Amino acid sequence: MKRAVTIATIAFWIAVAALNLMAAREPAAVGGAPPFTLGELARHAGATSCWMAIDGVVYDFTDYLPQHPAPEAVMLRHCGKEATEAFRTKDVGRPHSPHAAGLLPRYRIGELAR
């Protein structure tokens, strides 16, 4: 019985890792679209439309808000803004996990205009 549980646990984590790798390799849904301006980003500053720019890339986190491990308010204060520093420090001086960074590609919608 212990062996079956161990094998099932290992298989589960292998599947999770494989799905995360596949998600990271999915092409972004940008397809040559023009970059988003800071003004356009600012129009998506709430729970019904939460966009953020991190390292010059724009992400739509609207669907992710309820899944975020911290309370929704933690992310909401960064919606509609350039949030690179917030992502790098979690507002407390600690970086997000590699898992969190691996989730970014699935929410990418375009580039931020320079």
PDB file of N, CA and C in Angstrom:
ATOM      1  N   MET A   1       0.817  -1.193   0.000  1.00  0.00           N
ATOM      2  CA  MET A   1       0.000   0.000   0.000  1.00  0.00           C
ATOM      3  C   MET A   1       0.869   1.269   0.000  1.00  0.00           C
ATOM      4  N   LYS A   2       1.918   1.250   0.844  1.00  0.00           N
ATOM      5  CA  LYS A   2       2.806   2.405   0.894  1.00  0.00           C
ATOM      6  C   LYS A   2       3.454   2.661  -0.463  1.00  0.00           C
ATOM      7  N   ARG A   3       3.821   1.586  -1.118  1.00  0.00           N
ATOM      8  CA  ARG A   3       4.474   1.729  -2.421  1.00  0.00           C
ATOM      9  C   ARG A   3       3.531   2.365  -3.435  1.00  0.00           C
ATOM     10  N   ALA A   4       2.264   1.970  -3.430  1.00  0.00           N
ATOM     11  CA  ALA A   4       1.278   2.548  -4.362  1.00  0.00           C
ATOM     12  C   ALA A   4       1.091   4.032  -4.099  1.00  0.00           C
ATOM     13  N   VAL A   5       1.049   4.415  -2.831  1.00  0.00           N
ATOM     14  CA  VAL A   5       0.896   5.840  -2.483  1.00  0.00           C
ATOM     15  C   VAL A   5       2.125   6.615  -2.936  1.00  0.00           C
ATOM     16  N   THR A   6       3.303   6.056  -2.718  1.00  0.00           N
ATOM     17  CA  THR A   6       4.541   6.719  -3.135  1.00  0.00           C
ATOM     18  C   THR A   6       4.578   6.892  -4.649  1.00  0.00           C
ATOM     19  N   ILE A   7       4.237   5.848  -5.374  1.00  0.00           N
ATOM     20  CA  ILE A   7       4.237   5.925  -6.840  1.00  0.00           C
ATOM     21  C   ILE A   7       3.200   6.931  -7.328  1.00  0.00           C
ATOM     22  N   ALA A   8       2.020   6.938  -6.722  1.00  0.00           N
ATOM     23  CA  ALA A   8       0.978   7.895  -7.110  1.00  0.00           C
ATOM     24  C   ALA A   8       1.422   9.326  -6.839  1.00  0.00           C
ATOM     25  N   THR A   9       2.082   9.549  -5.718  1.00  0.00           N
ATOM     26  CA  THR A   9       2.567  10.897  -5.371  1.00  0.00           C
ATOM     27  C   THR A   9       3.620  11.363  -6.372  1.00  0.00           C
ATOM     28  N   ILE A  10       4.550  10.488  -6.693  1.00  0.00           N
ATOM     29  CA  ILE A  10       5.593  10.840  -7.662  1.00  0.00           C
ATOM     30  C   ILE A  10       4.972  11.124  -9.033  1.00  0.00           C
ATOM     31  N   ALA A  11       4.037  10.284  -9.446  1.00  0.00           N
ATOM     32  CA  ALA A  11       3.372  10.497 -10.740  1.00  0.00           C
ATOM     33  C   ALA A  11       2.633  11.825 -10.758  1.00  0.00           C
ATOM     34  N   PHE A  12       1.977  12.169  -9.661  1.00  0.00           N
ATOM     35  CA  PHE A  12       1.260  13.440  -9.573  1.00  0.00           C
ATOM     36  C   PHE A  12       2.216  14.609  -9.781  1.00  0.00           C
ATOM     37  N   TRP A  13       3.357  14.619  -9.059  1.00  0.00           N
ATOM     38  CA  TRP A  13       4.278  15.749  -9.163  1.00  0.00           C
ATOM     39  C   TRP A  13       4.964  15.811 -10.528  1.00  0.00           C
ATOM     40  N   ILE A  14       5.175  14.684 -11.146  1.00  0.00           N
ATOM     41  CA  ILE A  14       5.710  14.689 -12.515  1.00  0.00           C
ATOM     42  C   ILE A  14       4.695  15.314 -13.465  1.00  0.00           C
ATOM     43  N   ALA A  15       3.418  14.983 -13.284  1.00  0.00           N
ATOM     44  CA  ALA A  15       2.372  15.565 -14.130  1.00  0.00           C
ATOM     45  C   ALA A  15       2.274  17.067 -13.923  1.00  0.00           C
ATOM     46  N   VAL A  16       2.357  17.515 -12.672  1.00  0.00           N
ATOM     47  CA  VAL A  16       2.304  18.956 -12.384  1.00  0.00           C
ATOM     48  C   VAL A  16       3.469  19.667 -13.061  1.00  0.00           C
ATOM     49  N   ALA A  17       4.663  19.110 -12.933  1.00  0.00           N
ATOM     50  CA  ALA A  17       5.834  19.726 -13.558  1.00  0.00           C
ATOM     51  C   ALA A  17       5.698  19.768 -15.079  1.00  0.00           C
ATOM     52  N   ALA A  18       5.201  18.697 -15.660  1.00  0.00           N
ATOM     53  CA  ALA A  18       5.028  18.647 -17.120  1.00  0.00           C
ATOM     54  C   ALA A  18       4.021  19.686 -17.588  1.00  0.00           C
ATOM     55  N   LEU A  19       2.926  19.830 -16.869  1.00  0.00           N
ATOM     56  CA  LEU A  19       1.915  20.825 -17.250  1.00  0.00           C
ATOM     57  C   LEU A  19       2.460  22.239 -17.138  1.00  0.00           C
ATOM     58  N   ASN A  20       3.244  22.514 -16.106  1.00  0.00           N
ATOM     59  CA  ASN A  20       3.843  23.838 -15.974  1.00  0.00           C
ATOM     60  C   ASN A  20       4.822  24.118 -17.103  1.00  0.00           C
ATOM     61  N   LEU A  21       5.605  23.124 -17.502  1.00  0.00           N
ATOM     62  CA  LEU A  21       6.530  23.314 -18.620  1.00  0.00           C
ATOM     63  C   LEU A  21       5.779  23.570 -19.924  1.00  0.00           C
ATOM     64  N   MET A  22       4.698  22.830 -20.153  1.00  0.00           N
ATOM     65  CA  MET A  22       3.909  23.032 -21.376  1.00  0.00           C
ATOM     66  C   MET A  22       3.288  24.422 -21.380  1.00  0.00           C
ATOM     67  N   ALA A  23       2.788  24.867 -20.247  1.00  0.00           N
ATOM     68  CA  ALA A  23       2.175  26.189 -20.178  1.00  0.00           C
ATOM     69  C   ALA A  23       3.207  27.276 -20.448  1.00  0.00           C
ATOM     70  N   ALA A  24       4.410  27.094 -19.949  1.00  0.00           N
ATOM     71  CA  ALA A  24       5.468  28.086 -20.159  1.00  0.00           C
ATOM     72  C   ALA A  24       5.887  28.165 -21.618  1.00  0.00           C
ATOM     73  N   ARG A  25       5.705  27.084 -22.357  1.00  0.00           N
ATOM     74  CA  ARG A  25       6.105  27.062 -23.763  1.00  0.00           C
ATOM     75  C   ARG A  25       5.017  27.509 -24.715  1.00  0.00           C
ATOM     76  N   GLU A  26       3.804  27.707 -24.195  1.00  0.00           N
ATOM     77  CA  GLU A  26       2.722  28.155 -25.071  1.00  0.00           C
ATOM     78  C   GLU A  26       3.039  29.544 -25.576  1.00  0.00           C
ATOM     79  N   PRO A  27       2.813  29.808 -26.845  1.00  0.00           N
ATOM     80  CA  PRO A  27       3.090  31.146 -27.362  1.00  0.00           C
ATOM     81  C   PRO A  27       2.146  32.173 -26.747  1.00  0.00           C
ATOM     82  N   ALA A  28       2.677  33.348 -26.536  1.00  0.00           N
ATOM     83  CA  ALA A  28       1.852  34.422 -25.986  1.00  0.00           C
ATOM     84  C   ALA A  28       0.809  34.839 -27.000  1.00  0.00           C
ATOM     85  N   ALA A  29      -0.299  35.306 -26.506  1.00  0.00           N
ATOM     86  CA  ALA A  29      -1.402  35.713 -27.365  1.00  0.00           C
ATOM     87  C   ALA A  29      -1.216  37.161 -27.800  1.00  0.00           C
ATOM     88  N   VAL A  30      -0.082  37.468 -28.409  1.00  0.00           N
ATOM     89  CA  VAL A  30       0.179  38.842 -28.817  1.00  0.00           C
ATOM     90  C   VAL A  30       0.140  39.019 -30.326  1.00  0.00           C
ATOM     91  N   GLY A  31       0.641  38.071 -31.069  1.00  0.00           N
ATOM     92  CA  GLY A  31       0.545  38.055 -32.521  1.00  0.00           C
ATOM     93  C   GLY A  31       0.798  39.361 -33.243  1.00  0.00           C
ATOM     94  N   GLY A  32       1.847  40.094 -32.902  1.00  0.00           N
ATOM     95  CA  GLY A  32       2.181  41.306 -33.619  1.00  0.00           C
ATOM     96  C   GLY A  32       1.317  42.507 -33.268  1.00  0.00           C
ATOM     97  N   ALA A  33       0.548  42.409 -32.209  1.00  0.00           N
ATOM     98  CA  ALA A  33      -0.286  43.536 -31.782  1.00  0.00           C
ATOM     99  C   ALA A  33       0.605  44.690 -31.326  1.00  0.00           C
ATOM    100  N   PRO A  34       0.133  45.915 -31.488  1.00  0.00           N
ATOM    101  CA  PRO A  34       0.938  47.050 -31.040  1.00  0.00           C
ATOM    102  C   PRO A  34       1.084  47.024 -29.516  1.00  0.00           C
ATOM    103  N   PRO A  35       2.164  47.603 -29.005  1.00  0.00           N
ATOM    104  CA  PRO A  35       2.369  47.596 -27.553  1.00  0.00           C
ATOM    105  C   PRO A  35       1.301  48.430 -26.835  1.00  0.00           C
ATOM    106  N   PHE A  36       1.061  48.075 -25.585  1.00  0.00           N
ATOM    107  CA  PHE A  36       0.097  48.798 -24.750  1.00  0.00           C
ATOM    108  C   PHE A  36       0.785  49.999 -24.107  1.00  0.00           C
ATOM    109  N   THR A  37       0.078  51.118 -24.036  1.00  0.00           N
ATOM    110  CA  THR A  37       0.600  52.299 -23.371  1.00  0.00           C
ATOM    111  C   THR A  37       0.285  52.223 -21.877  1.00  0.00           C
ATOM    112  N   LEU A  38       0.952  53.064 -21.093  1.00  0.00           N
ATOM    113  CA  LEU A  38       0.651  53.130 -19.659  1.00  0.00           C
ATOM    114  C   LEU A  38      -0.786  53.575 -19.423  1.00  0.00           C
ATOM    115  N   GLY A  39      -1.295  54.446 -20.301  1.00  0.00           N
ATOM    116  CA  GLY A  39      -2.692  54.884 -20.180  1.00  0.00           C
ATOM    117  C   GLY A  39      -3.661  53.735 -20.397  1.00  0.00           C
ATOM    118  N   GLU A  40      -3.369  52.901 -21.381  1.00  0.00           N
ATOM    119  CA  GLU A  40      -4.222  51.741 -21.631  1.00  0.00           C
ATOM    120  C   GLU A  40      -4.136  50.753 -20.467  1.00  0.00           C
ATOM    121  N   LEU A  41      -2.940  50.559 -19.960  1.00  0.00           N
ATOM    122  CA  LEU A  41      -2.745  49.688 -18.798  1.00  0.00           C
ATOM    123  C   LEU A  41      -3.571  50.190 -17.611  1.00  0.00           C
ATOM    124  N   ALA A  42      -3.576  51.504 -17.393  1.00  0.00           N
ATOM    125  CA  ALA A  42      -4.292  52.093 -16.261  1.00  0.00           C
ATOM    126  C   ALA A  42      -5.800  51.877 -16.324  1.00  0.00           C
ATOM    127  N   ARG A  43      -6.344  51.622 -17.507  1.00  0.00           N
ATOM    128  CA  ARG A  43      -7.787  51.375 -17.634  1.00  0.00           C
ATOM    129  C   ARG A  43      -8.187  49.974 -17.158  1.00  0.00           C
ATOM    130  N   HIS A  44      -7.222  49.202 -16.755  1.00  0.00           N
ATOM    131  CA  HIS A  44      -7.478  47.831 -16.296  1.00  0.00           C
ATOM    132  C   HIS A  44      -6.948  47.687 -14.870  1.00  0.00           C
ATOM    133  N   ALA A  45      -7.558  48.438 -13.974  1.00  0.00           N
ATOM    134  CA  ALA A  45      -7.034  48.567 -12.611  1.00  0.00           C
ATOM    135  C   ALA A  45      -8.001  48.069 -11.542  1.00  0.00           C
ATOM    136  N   GLY A  46      -8.695  46.981 -11.809  1.00  0.00           N
ATOM    137  CA  GLY A  46      -9.629  46.477 -10.808  1.00  0.00           C
ATOM    138  C   GLY A  46      -9.846  44.986 -10.932  1.00  0.00           C
ATOM    139  N   ALA A  47     -10.735  44.475 -10.109  1.00  0.00           N
ATOM    140  CA  ALA A  47     -10.986  43.032 -10.052  1.00  0.00           C
ATOM    141  C   ALA A  47     -11.641  42.501 -11.326  1.00  0.00           C
ATOM    142  N   THR A  48     -12.381  43.336 -12.041  1.00  0.00           N
ATOM    143  CA  THR A  48     -13.040  42.859 -13.255  1.00  0.00           C
ATOM    144  C   THR A  48     -12.125  42.904 -14.476  1.00  0.00           C
ATOM    145  N   SER A  49     -11.013  43.605 -14.352  1.00  0.00           N
ATOM    146  CA  SER A  49     -10.006  43.653 -15.410  1.00  0.00           C
ATOM    147  C   SER A  49      -8.698  44.098 -14.777  1.00  0.00           C
ATOM    148  N   CYS A  50      -7.835  43.140 -14.511  1.00  0.00           N
ATOM    149  CA  CYS A  50      -6.584  43.416 -13.792  1.00  0.00           C
ATOM    150  C   CYS A  50      -5.390  43.122 -14.685  1.00  0.00           C
ATOM    151  N   TRP A  51      -4.828  44.180 -15.260  1.00  0.00           N
ATOM    152  CA  TRP A  51      -3.623  44.056 -16.071  1.00  0.00           C
ATOM    153  C   TRP A  51      -2.450  44.629 -15.288  1.00  0.00           C
ATOM    154  N   MET A  52      -1.287  44.049 -15.470  1.00  0.00           N
ATOM    155  CA  MET A  52      -0.049  44.562 -14.873  1.00  0.00           C
ATOM    156  C   MET A  52       1.070  44.431 -15.887  1.00  0.00           C
ATOM    157  N   ALA A  53       2.048  45.310 -15.773  1.00  0.00           N
ATOM    158  CA  ALA A  53       3.255  45.207 -16.588  1.00  0.00           C
ATOM    159  C   ALA A  53       4.398  44.775 -15.680  1.00  0.00           C
ATOM    160  N   ILE A  54       5.121  43.750 -16.110  1.00  0.00           N
ATOM    161  CA  ILE A  54       6.291  43.260 -15.377  1.00  0.00           C
ATOM    162  C   ILE A  54       7.413  43.100 -16.390  1.00  0.00           C
ATOM    163  N   ASP A  55       8.499  43.811 -16.144  1.00  0.00           N
ATOM    164  CA  ASP A  55       9.661  43.756 -17.047  1.00  0.00           C
ATOM    165  C   ASP A  55       9.290  44.043 -18.494  1.00  0.00           C
ATOM    166  N   GLY A  56       8.410  45.001 -18.715  1.00  0.00           N
ATOM    167  CA  GLY A  56       8.054  45.415 -20.070  1.00  0.00           C
ATOM    168  C   GLY A  56       7.029  44.548 -20.774  1.00  0.00           C
ATOM    169  N   VAL A  57       6.485  43.556 -20.071  1.00  0.00           N
ATOM    170  CA  VAL A  57       5.480  42.657 -20.640  1.00  0.00           C
ATOM    171  C   VAL A  57       4.173  42.886 -19.893  1.00  0.00           C
ATOM    172  N   VAL A  58       3.060  42.913 -20.628  1.00  0.00           N
ATOM    173  CA  VAL A  58       1.743  43.139 -20.026  1.00  0.00           C
ATOM    174  C   VAL A  58       1.038  41.796 -19.830  1.00  0.00           C
ATOM    175  N   TYR A  59       0.476  41.639 -18.633  1.00  0.00           N
ATOM    176  CA  TYR A  59      -0.223  40.408 -18.267  1.00  0.00           C
ATOM    177  C   TYR A  59      -1.646  40.743 -17.835  1.00  0.00           C
ATOM    178  N   ASP A  60      -2.578  39.880 -18.176  1.00  0.00           N
ATOM    179  CA  ASP A  60      -3.966  40.001 -17.722  1.00  0.00           C
ATOM    180  C   ASP A  60      -4.167  38.959 -16.622  1.00  0.00           C
ATOM    181  N   PHE A  61      -4.171  39.417 -15.375  1.00  0.00           N
ATOM    182  CA  PHE A  61      -4.303  38.528 -14.220  1.00  0.00           C
ATOM    183  C   PHE A  61      -5.737  38.424 -13.707  1.00  0.00           C
ATOM    184  N   THR A  62      -6.707  38.912 -14.460  1.00  0.00           N
ATOM    185  CA  THR A  62      -8.099  38.913 -14.007  1.00  0.00           C
ATOM    186  C   THR A  62      -8.540  37.527 -13.548  1.00  0.00           C
ATOM    187  N   ASP A  63      -8.303  36.518 -14.359  1.00  0.00           N
ATOM    188  CA  ASP A  63      -8.738  35.166 -14.004  1.00  0.00           C
ATOM    189  C   ASP A  63      -7.893  34.543 -12.894  1.00  0.00           C
ATOM    190  N   TYR A  64      -6.703  35.078 -12.678  1.00  0.00           N
ATOM    191  CA  TYR A  64      -5.815  34.519 -11.655  1.00  0.00           C
ATOM    192  C   TYR A  64      -6.107  35.068 -10.259  1.00  0.00           C
ATOM    193  N   LEU A  65      -6.714  36.232 -10.161  1.00  0.00           N
ATOM    194  CA  LEU A  65      -6.930  36.864  -8.854  1.00  0.00           C
ATOM    195  C   LEU A  65      -7.477  35.909  -7.792  1.00  0.00           C
ATOM    196  N   PRO A  66      -8.552  35.153  -8.072  1.00  0.00           N
ATOM    197  CA  PRO A  66      -9.071  34.269  -7.022  1.00  0.00           C
ATOM    198  C   PRO A  66      -8.148  33.088  -6.695  1.00  0.00           C
ATOM    199  N   GLN A  67      -7.187  32.805  -7.573  1.00  0.00           N
ATOM    200  CA  GLN A  67      -6.283  31.676  -7.351  1.00  0.00           C
ATOM    201  C   GLN A  67      -5.013  32.072  -6.592  1.00  0.00           C
ATOM    202  N   HIS A  68      -4.733  33.363  -6.516  1.00  0.00           N
ATOM    203  CA  HIS A  68      -3.509  33.826  -5.866  1.00  0.00           C
ATOM    204  C   HIS A  68      -3.527  33.425  -4.393  1.00  0.00           C
ATOM    205  N   PRO A  69      -2.401  32.914  -3.876  1.00  0.00           N
ATOM    206  CA  PRO A  69      -2.396  32.436  -2.493  1.00  0.00           C
ATOM    207  C   PRO A  69      -2.619  33.523  -1.443  1.00  0.00           C
ATOM    208  N   ALA A  70      -2.230  34.747  -1.740  1.00  0.00           N
ATOM    209  CA  ALA A  70      -2.464  35.850  -0.797  1.00  0.00           C
ATOM    210  C   ALA A  70      -3.863  36.427  -1.041  1.00  0.00           C
ATOM    211  N   PRO A  71      -4.374  37.222  -0.116  1.00  0.00           N
ATOM    212  CA  PRO A  71      -5.686  37.850  -0.340  1.00  0.00           C
ATOM    213  C   PRO A  71      -5.698  38.670  -1.635  1.00  0.00           C
ATOM    214  N   GLU A  72      -6.845  38.727  -2.278  1.00  0.00           N
ATOM    215  CA  GLU A  72      -6.993  39.424  -3.558  1.00  0.00           C
ATOM    216  C   GLU A  72      -6.489  40.865  -3.494  1.00  0.00           C
ATOM    217  N   ALA A  73      -6.679  41.508  -2.356  1.00  0.00           N
ATOM    218  CA  ALA A  73      -6.267  42.908  -2.202  1.00  0.00           C
ATOM    219  C   ALA A  73      -4.777  43.109  -2.436  1.00  0.00           C
ATOM    220  N   VAL A  74      -3.982  42.084  -2.184  1.00  0.00           N
ATOM    221  CA  VAL A  74      -2.531  42.187  -2.392  1.00  0.00           C
ATOM    222  C   VAL A  74      -2.238  42.453  -3.864  1.00  0.00           C
ATOM    223  N   MET A  75      -2.904  41.754  -4.743  1.00  0.00           N
ATOM    224  CA  MET A  75      -2.694  41.960  -6.176  1.00  0.00           C
ATOM    225  C   MET A  75      -3.449  43.183  -6.688  1.00  0.00           C
ATOM    226  N   LEU A  76      -4.626  43.427  -6.159  1.00  0.00           N
ATOM    227  CA  LEU A  76      -5.459  44.520  -6.675  1.00  0.00           C
ATOM    228  C   LEU A  76      -4.759  45.872  -6.613  1.00  0.00           C
ATOM    229  N   ARG A  77      -3.931  46.096  -5.617  1.00  0.00           N
ATOM    230  CA  ARG A  77      -3.273  47.406  -5.519  1.00  0.00           C
ATOM    231  C   ARG A  77      -2.260  47.639  -6.635  1.00  0.00           C
ATOM    232  N   HIS A  78      -1.925  46.584  -7.388  1.00  0.00           N
ATOM    233  CA  HIS A  78      -0.970  46.718  -8.492  1.00  0.00           C
ATOM    234  C   HIS A  78      -1.628  46.641  -9.871  1.00  0.00           C
ATOM    235  N   CYS A  79      -2.922  46.364  -9.900  1.00  0.00           N
ATOM    236  CA  CYS A  79      -3.628  46.293 -11.186  1.00  0.00           C
ATOM    237  C   CYS A  79      -3.584  47.650 -11.875  1.00  0.00           C
ATOM    238  N   GLY A  80      -3.377  47.623 -13.176  1.00  0.00           N
ATOM    239  CA  GLY A  80      -3.344  48.859 -13.955  1.00  0.00           C
ATOM    240  C   GLY A  80      -2.023  49.601 -13.871  1.00  0.00           C
ATOM    241  N   LYS A  81      -1.006  48.957 -13.307  1.00  0.00           N
ATOM    242  CA  LYS A  81       0.267  49.646 -13.075  1.00  0.00           C
ATOM    243  C   LYS A  81       1.456  48.822 -13.568  1.00  0.00           C
ATOM    244  N   GLU A  82       2.596  49.485 -13.622  1.00  0.00           N
ATOM    245  CA  GLU A  82       3.869  48.821 -13.838  1.00  0.00           C
ATOM    246  C   GLU A  82       4.216  48.181 -12.494  1.00  0.00           C
ATOM    247  N   ALA A  83       4.353  46.863 -12.457  1.00  0.00           N
ATOM    248  CA  ALA A  83       4.462  46.144 -11.191  1.00  0.00           C
ATOM    249  C   ALA A  83       5.725  45.291 -11.077  1.00  0.00           C
ATOM    250  N   THR A  84       6.768  45.665 -11.797  1.00  0.00           N
ATOM    251  CA  THR A  84       7.998  44.867 -11.771  1.00  0.00           C
ATOM    252  C   THR A  84       8.563  44.755 -10.361  1.00  0.00           C
ATOM    253  N   GLU A  85       8.689  45.869  -9.679  1.00  0.00           N
ATOM    254  CA  GLU A  85       9.267  45.847  -8.330  1.00  0.00           C
ATOM    255  C   GLU A  85       8.396  45.042  -7.371  1.00  0.00           C
ATOM    256  N   ALA A  86       7.098  45.175  -7.494  1.00  0.00           N
ATOM    257  CA  ALA A  86       6.187  44.408  -6.634  1.00  0.00           C
ATOM    258  C   ALA A  86       6.347  42.910  -6.883  1.00  0.00           C
ATOM    259  N   PHE A  87       6.501  42.511  -8.136  1.00  0.00           N
ATOM    260  CA  PHE A  87       6.686  41.096  -8.442  1.00  0.00           C
ATOM    261  C   PHE A  87       8.032  40.598  -7.903  1.00  0.00           C
ATOM    262  N   ARG A  88       9.053  41.409  -8.044  1.00  0.00           N
ATOM    263  CA  ARG A  88      10.386  40.985  -7.599  1.00  0.00           C
ATOM    264  C   ARG A  88      10.513  40.894  -6.086  1.00  0.00           C
ATOM    265  N   THR A  89       9.737  41.705  -5.348  1.00  0.00           N
ATOM    266  CA  THR A  89       9.905  41.767  -3.890  1.00  0.00           C
ATOM    267  C   THR A  89       8.673  41.334  -3.098  1.00  0.00           C
ATOM    268  N   LYS A  90       7.561  41.101  -3.757  1.00  0.00           N
ATOM    269  CA  LYS A  90       6.290  40.788  -3.093  1.00  0.00           C
ATOM    270  C   LYS A  90       5.953  41.872  -2.048  1.00  0.00           C
ATOM    271  N   ASP A  91       6.472  43.075  -2.257  1.00  0.00           N
ATOM    272  CA  ASP A  91       6.282  44.212  -1.351  1.00  0.00           C
ATOM    273  C   ASP A  91       6.877  43.998   0.036  1.00  0.00           C
ATOM    274  N   VAL A  92       7.625  42.930   0.225  1.00  0.00           N
ATOM    275  CA  VAL A  92       8.230  42.663   1.534  1.00  0.00           C
ATOM    276  C   VAL A  92       9.701  42.266   1.426  1.00  0.00           C
ATOM    277  N   GLY A  93      10.281  42.456   0.256  1.00  0.00           N
ATOM    278  CA  GLY A  93      11.698  42.167   0.085  1.00  0.00           C
ATOM    279  C   GLY A  93      12.038  40.728  -0.240  1.00  0.00           C
ATOM    280  N   ARG A  94      11.041  39.904  -0.549  1.00  0.00           N
ATOM    281  CA  ARG A  94      11.295  38.508  -0.928  1.00  0.00           C
ATOM    282  C   ARG A  94      10.796  38.277  -2.348  1.00  0.00           C
ATOM    283  N   PRO A  95      11.556  37.560  -3.158  1.00  0.00           N
ATOM    284  CA  PRO A  95      11.107  37.315  -4.534  1.00  0.00           C
ATOM    285  C   PRO A  95      10.009  36.258  -4.601  1.00  0.00           C
ATOM    286  N   HIS A  96       9.258  36.288  -5.683  1.00  0.00           N
ATOM    287  CA  HIS A  96       8.290  35.221  -5.941  1.00  0.00           C
ATOM    288  C   HIS A  96       9.057  33.934  -6.256  1.00  0.00           C
ATOM    289  N   SER A  97       8.383  32.843  -6.122  1.00  0.00           N
ATOM    290  CA  SER A  97       8.991  31.532  -6.371  1.00  0.00           C
ATOM    291  C   SER A  97       9.186  31.304  -7.868  1.00  0.00           C
ATOM    292  N   PRO A  98      10.037  30.351  -8.212  1.00  0.00           N
ATOM    293  CA  PRO A  98      10.153  29.970  -9.625  1.00  0.00           C
ATOM    294  C   PRO A  98       8.812  29.493 -10.193  1.00  0.00           C
ATOM    295  N   HIS A  99       7.996  28.873  -9.361  1.00  0.00           N
ATOM    296  CA  HIS A  99       6.666  28.440  -9.821  1.00  0.00           C
ATOM    297  C   HIS A  99       5.839  29.651 -10.263  1.00  0.00           C
ATOM    298  N   ALA A 100       5.868  30.719  -9.462  1.00  0.00           N
ATOM    299  CA  ALA A 100       5.119  31.933  -9.817  1.00  0.00           C
ATOM    300  C   ALA A 100       5.631  32.510 -11.135  1.00  0.00           C
ATOM    301  N   ALA A 101       6.938  32.556 -11.301  1.00  0.00           N
ATOM    302  CA  ALA A 101       7.507  33.054 -12.561  1.00  0.00           C
ATOM    303  C   ALA A 101       7.099  32.164 -13.728  1.00  0.00           C
ATOM    304  N   GLY A 102       6.988  30.876 -13.474  1.00  0.00           N
ATOM    305  CA  GLY A 102       6.576  29.938 -14.515  1.00  0.00           C
ATOM    306  C   GLY A 102       5.134  30.103 -14.954  1.00  0.00           C
ATOM    307  N   LEU A 103       4.310  30.719 -14.118  1.00  0.00           N
ATOM    308  CA  LEU A 103       2.906  30.947 -14.466  1.00  0.00           C
ATOM    309  C   LEU A 103       2.725  32.150 -15.398  1.00  0.00           C
ATOM    310  N   LEU A 104       3.677  33.060 -15.407  1.00  0.00           N
ATOM    311  CA  LEU A 104       3.521  34.306 -16.167  1.00  0.00           C
ATOM    312  C   LEU A 104       3.163  34.108 -17.640  1.00  0.00           C
ATOM    313  N   PRO A 105       3.812  33.208 -18.366  1.00  0.00           N
ATOM    314  CA  PRO A 105       3.516  33.117 -19.804  1.00  0.00           C
ATOM    315  C   PRO A 105       2.041  32.880 -20.137  1.00  0.00           C
ATOM    316  N   ARG A 106       1.329  32.173 -19.300  1.00  0.00           N
ATOM    317  CA  ARG A 106      -0.080  31.895 -19.640  1.00  0.00           C
ATOM    318  C   ARG A 106      -0.975  33.135 -19.500  1.00  0.00           C
ATOM    319  N   TYR A 107      -0.482  34.188 -18.842  1.00  0.00           N
ATOM    320  CA  TYR A 107      -1.276  35.407 -18.667  1.00  0.00           C
ATOM    321  C   TYR A 107      -0.772  36.566 -19.537  1.00  0.00           C
ATOM    322  N   ARG A 108       0.270  36.335 -20.301  1.00  0.00           N
ATOM    323  CA  ARG A 108       0.862  37.370 -21.156  1.00  0.00           C
ATOM    324  C   ARG A 108      -0.102  37.768 -22.269  1.00  0.00           C
ATOM    325  N   ILE A 109      -0.275  39.082 -22.437  1.00  0.00           N
ATOM    326  CA  ILE A 109      -1.145  39.561 -23.517  1.00  0.00           C
ATOM    327  C   ILE A 109      -0.436  40.517 -24.461  1.00  0.00           C
ATOM    328  N   GLY A 110       0.755  40.956 -24.115  1.00  0.00           N
ATOM    329  CA  GLY A 110       1.462  41.860 -25.009  1.00  0.00           C
ATOM    330  C   GLY A 110       2.641  42.538 -24.344  1.00  0.00           C
ATOM    331  N   GLU A 111       3.144  43.553 -25.020  1.00  0.00           N
ATOM    332  CA  GLU A 111       4.301  44.311 -24.556  1.00  0.00           C
ATOM    333  C   GLU A 111       3.860  45.701 -24.101  1.00  0.00           C
ATOM    334  N   LEU A 112       4.655  46.283 -23.217  1.00  0.00           N
ATOM    335  CA  LEU A 112       4.416  47.651 -22.772  1.00  0.00           C
ATOM    336  C   LEU A 112       5.200  48.596 -23.674  1.00  0.00           C
ATOM    337  N   ALA A 113       4.545  49.645 -24.155  1.00  0.00           N
ATOM    338  CA  ALA A 113       5.230  50.633 -24.991  1.00  0.00           C
ATOM    339  C   ALA A 113       6.321  51.307 -24.176  1.00  0.00           C
ATOM    340  N   ARG A 114       7.436  51.550 -24.836  1.00  0.00           N
ATOM    341  CA  ARG A 114       8.570  52.181 -24.129  1.00  0.00           C
ATOM    342  C   ARG A 114       8.544  53.663 -24.311  1.00  0.00           C
TER     343      ARG A 114
END
